[in-house]
Amino acid sequence: MLKNLASIVPLACLFSATALSRAQATPAATGHGGFQTGGGVTLARPDYGGANIEGMSGFADFDFASHIGAEADVHYIALNTPTDLAENTYLLGPRVLTTHGRFTSYAKLLAGIGSLVVQESADNAGRRGGAYFAFAFGGGLDIQVTRHLVVRVIDGEYQRWPTLGNGLSPLVVTAGVAYKFR
C-alpha cells in the first residue's frame, strides 16, 4: 500500500505542477470588446406598391463577449423611391453571434423609430408622414477580410411598424463594408 502511494504522489505532483507553471498561452482571439462601424447599400421591399425602394445604411456593432453584443443601425431608404414614399429607421438592440474563422454570423432584435417621409404629396394623397415606433428582427453574415476590413455580405431585417395605421412591415436587405477597431 505504501509502495503504491509512493508512486502515485509524485505523479499527482507532476500533473498539478503543469497547471501552476502557466506554460500555455492565453487565447489571442477571444473577440471580447470588439467594435466595428460601417455602411452599405440598402434595398427595401415595402408592403405597399409593387416597387422596391433603395438607399444607404450605417451601422455600429459592439461585442461585449464572444457571443453577445449590440447593434445600432440607421437606414436612409430615400434615394430611389418610385412611389415617392421613403422609409428611414433608427434602431438599436442586442445581437448574438458566432464566429468560425473569418466568418461571423449573427441574429439581432432591434427597436427604435421608423420615419415615413412623403416626398411628393400630389402622388400620395391621403398619406401622412411622421415618426412611429418600429422594431425589427434579422441577421446576417460578416467576413473578416483583413485585420481591420470587414465585408458585410448580407444583413436582412424584417421590420414591423405597428403604430402606423394597420402597420407597416418592410423587408430590408443591406450589403456593405466596415472598419474593425482593435
Protein backbone atom coordinates (compact mmCIF):
# COMPACT_ATOMS: atom_id res chain seq x y z
CA MET A 1 0.00 0.00 0.00
CA LEU A 2 2.78 2.40 0.94
CA LYS A 3 4.63 1.45 -2.22
CA ASN A 4 1.59 2.35 -4.41
CA LEU A 5 1.13 5.64 -2.56
CA ALA A 6 4.80 6.48 -3.04
CA SER A 7 4.42 6.13 -6.82
CA ILE A 8 1.07 7.97 -7.07
CA VAL A 9 2.05 11.08 -5.06
CA PRO A 10 4.97 12.14 -7.33
CA LEU A 11 2.78 11.57 -10.39
CA ALA A 12 -0.01 13.73 -8.91
CA CYS A 13 2.52 16.47 -8.06
CA LEU A 14 3.83 16.40 -11.62
CA PHE A 15 0.33 16.88 -13.09
CA SER A 16 -0.57 19.68 -10.68
CA ALA A 17 2.74 21.45 -11.33
CA THR A 18 1.91 21.77 -15.04
CA ALA A 19 -1.24 23.72 -14.18
CA LEU A 20 0.73 26.08 -11.94
CA SER A 21 3.52 26.66 -14.45
CA ARG A 22 1.26 28.65 -16.82
CA ALA A 23 3.09 27.31 -19.82
CA GLN A 24 0.04 27.64 -22.05
CA ALA A 25 -0.63 30.88 -23.89
CA THR A 26 -3.87 32.71 -23.24
CA PRO A 27 -6.24 32.80 -26.21
CA ALA A 28 -5.40 35.72 -28.52
CA ALA A 29 -8.65 35.91 -30.47
CA THR A 30 -11.41 35.85 -27.89
CA GLY A 31 -13.44 38.63 -29.55
CA HIS A 32 -14.27 40.47 -26.33
CA GLY A 33 -14.87 44.18 -26.67
CA GLY A 34 -14.81 44.19 -30.49
CA PHE A 35 -16.13 47.35 -32.16
CA GLN A 36 -16.82 47.93 -35.82
CA THR A 37 -18.60 50.61 -37.79
CA GLY A 38 -19.53 50.76 -41.43
CA GLY A 39 -22.07 51.41 -44.12
CA GLY A 40 -23.64 49.93 -47.17
CA VAL A 41 -26.28 49.99 -49.85
CA THR A 42 -29.82 49.05 -48.92
CA LEU A 43 -32.78 47.61 -50.77
CA ALA A 44 -36.21 47.54 -49.14
CA ARG A 45 -39.43 45.85 -50.17
CA PRO A 46 -42.22 47.89 -48.63
CA ASP A 47 -45.60 46.26 -48.20
CA TYR A 48 -47.32 48.95 -50.28
CA GLY A 49 -46.97 49.39 -54.02
CA GLY A 50 -45.04 46.97 -56.16
CA ALA A 51 -41.67 48.68 -56.46
CA ASN A 52 -38.61 48.32 -54.24
CA ILE A 53 -37.03 51.38 -52.68
CA GLU A 54 -33.29 51.95 -52.34
CA GLY A 55 -30.97 53.86 -50.08
CA MET A 56 -27.99 53.52 -47.78
CA SER A 57 -27.32 52.41 -44.24
CA GLY A 58 -24.84 52.98 -41.45
CA PHE A 59 -24.22 50.59 -38.58
CA ALA A 60 -22.10 50.12 -35.48
CA ASP A 61 -21.55 46.86 -33.60
CA PHE A 62 -20.04 46.38 -30.16
CA ASP A 63 -19.44 42.86 -28.89
CA PHE A 64 -19.41 42.59 -25.09
CA ALA A 65 -18.41 38.92 -25.04
CA SER A 66 -17.55 36.30 -27.62
CA HIS A 67 -21.24 35.62 -28.43
CA ILE A 68 -23.17 38.69 -27.19
CA GLY A 69 -23.16 42.24 -28.48
CA ALA A 70 -25.24 45.22 -29.50
CA GLU A 71 -26.01 46.83 -32.83
CA ALA A 72 -27.20 50.28 -33.85
CA ASP A 73 -28.24 50.95 -37.40
CA VAL A 74 -29.65 53.78 -39.45
CA HIS A 75 -31.41 53.04 -42.73
CA TYR A 76 -31.86 56.03 -45.03
CA ILE A 77 -34.04 54.48 -47.72
CA ALA A 78 -34.90 57.60 -49.69
CA LEU A 79 -32.59 57.62 -52.72
CA ASN A 80 -34.73 55.71 -55.22
CA THR A 81 -38.42 55.76 -54.30
CA PRO A 82 -40.74 55.08 -57.27
CA THR A 83 -43.85 55.74 -55.14
CA ASP A 84 -42.32 58.90 -53.58
CA LEU A 85 -42.51 57.38 -50.08
CA ALA A 86 -39.27 56.94 -48.14
CA GLU A 87 -38.76 54.74 -45.07
CA ASN A 88 -35.97 55.72 -42.69
CA THR A 89 -35.26 53.81 -39.48
CA TYR A 90 -33.11 54.39 -36.39
CA LEU A 91 -32.80 51.12 -34.48
CA LEU A 92 -30.79 49.72 -31.55
CA GLY A 93 -30.70 46.39 -29.77
CA PRO A 94 -28.90 43.19 -28.79
CA ARG A 95 -27.31 40.67 -31.12
CA VAL A 96 -25.97 37.17 -30.69
CA LEU A 97 -23.12 35.98 -32.87
CA THR A 98 -20.98 33.02 -33.65
CA THR A 99 -17.56 33.09 -35.32
CA HIS A 100 -15.97 30.37 -37.43
CA GLY A 101 -12.56 31.50 -38.66
CA ARG A 102 -13.08 34.65 -40.74
CA PHE A 103 -16.89 34.23 -40.86
CA THR A 104 -19.25 35.75 -38.29
CA SER A 105 -22.97 35.04 -38.45
CA TYR A 106 -25.38 36.86 -36.19
CA ALA A 107 -29.02 37.35 -35.23
CA LYS A 108 -30.45 40.58 -33.83
CA LEU A 109 -33.55 42.11 -32.30
CA LEU A 110 -33.78 45.89 -32.64
CA ALA A 111 -36.24 48.62 -31.66
CA GLY A 112 -36.47 52.33 -32.29
CA ILE A 113 -38.10 54.83 -34.62
CA GLY A 114 -39.34 54.47 -38.18
CA SER A 115 -39.87 57.63 -40.19
CA LEU A 116 -42.24 57.61 -43.16
CA VAL A 117 -41.42 60.51 -45.48
CA VAL A 118 -43.90 61.63 -48.13
CA GLN A 119 -41.62 63.05 -50.81
CA GLU A 120 -44.35 64.09 -53.24
CA SER A 121 -47.75 64.81 -51.68
CA ALA A 122 -49.51 65.03 -55.08
CA ASP A 123 -48.63 61.38 -55.76
CA ASN A 124 -49.66 60.28 -52.24
CA ALA A 125 -52.98 61.94 -51.49
CA GLY A 126 -54.24 60.96 -48.05
CA ARG A 127 -50.92 59.53 -46.85
CA ARG A 128 -49.31 61.10 -43.80
CA GLY A 129 -45.66 61.02 -42.96
CA GLY A 130 -44.28 61.01 -39.44
CA ALA A 131 -42.24 59.14 -36.86
CA TYR A 132 -43.52 55.84 -35.48
CA PHE A 133 -42.37 53.09 -33.13
CA ALA A 134 -40.63 50.30 -35.06
CA PHE A 135 -38.93 47.03 -34.24
CA ALA A 136 -37.05 44.50 -36.33
CA PHE A 137 -35.53 41.07 -36.15
CA GLY A 138 -32.97 39.72 -38.54
CA GLY A 139 -29.45 38.54 -39.05
CA GLY A 140 -26.52 38.43 -41.38
CA LEU A 141 -23.04 37.34 -42.30
CA ASP A 142 -19.75 39.25 -42.00
CA ILE A 143 -16.38 38.18 -43.43
CA GLN A 144 -13.12 39.44 -41.90
CA VAL A 145 -11.01 40.27 -44.99
CA THR A 146 -8.02 41.91 -43.28
CA ARG A 147 -7.19 42.85 -39.71
CA HIS A 148 -9.41 45.93 -39.93
CA LEU A 149 -11.63 45.40 -43.01
CA VAL A 150 -14.91 43.51 -42.69
CA VAL A 151 -17.29 42.83 -45.58
CA ARG A 152 -20.94 42.63 -44.60
CA VAL A 153 -22.08 40.11 -47.20
CA ILE A 154 -25.74 40.34 -46.22
CA ASP A 155 -27.81 41.82 -43.44
CA GLY A 156 -31.54 41.19 -43.50
CA GLU A 157 -34.27 42.67 -41.33
CA TYR A 158 -37.97 42.06 -41.10
CA GLN A 159 -39.28 45.34 -39.73
CA ARG A 160 -42.63 46.00 -38.14
CA TRP A 161 -44.12 49.47 -37.58
CA PRO A 162 -47.24 48.59 -35.54
CA THR A 163 -48.32 52.15 -34.70
CA LEU A 164 -48.65 53.28 -38.35
CA GLY A 165 -52.29 52.69 -39.34
CA ASN A 166 -52.69 48.95 -39.90
CA GLY A 167 -48.95 48.57 -39.51
CA LEU A 168 -46.09 48.58 -41.96
CA SER A 169 -43.82 45.56 -42.41
CA PRO A 170 -40.99 46.11 -44.88
CA LEU A 171 -38.16 43.71 -45.61
CA VAL A 172 -34.78 45.45 -45.63
CA VAL A 173 -31.53 43.98 -47.03
CA THR A 174 -28.10 45.64 -46.77
CA ALA A 175 -24.61 44.79 -48.05
CA GLY A 176 -21.53 46.85 -47.22
CA VAL A 177 -18.15 47.21 -45.54
CA ALA A 178 -16.97 48.04 -42.04
CA TYR A 179 -13.81 49.10 -40.22
CA LYS A 180 -12.99 46.96 -37.19
CA PHE A 181 -11.17 48.73 -34.35
CA ARG A 182 -8.67 46.64 -32.38
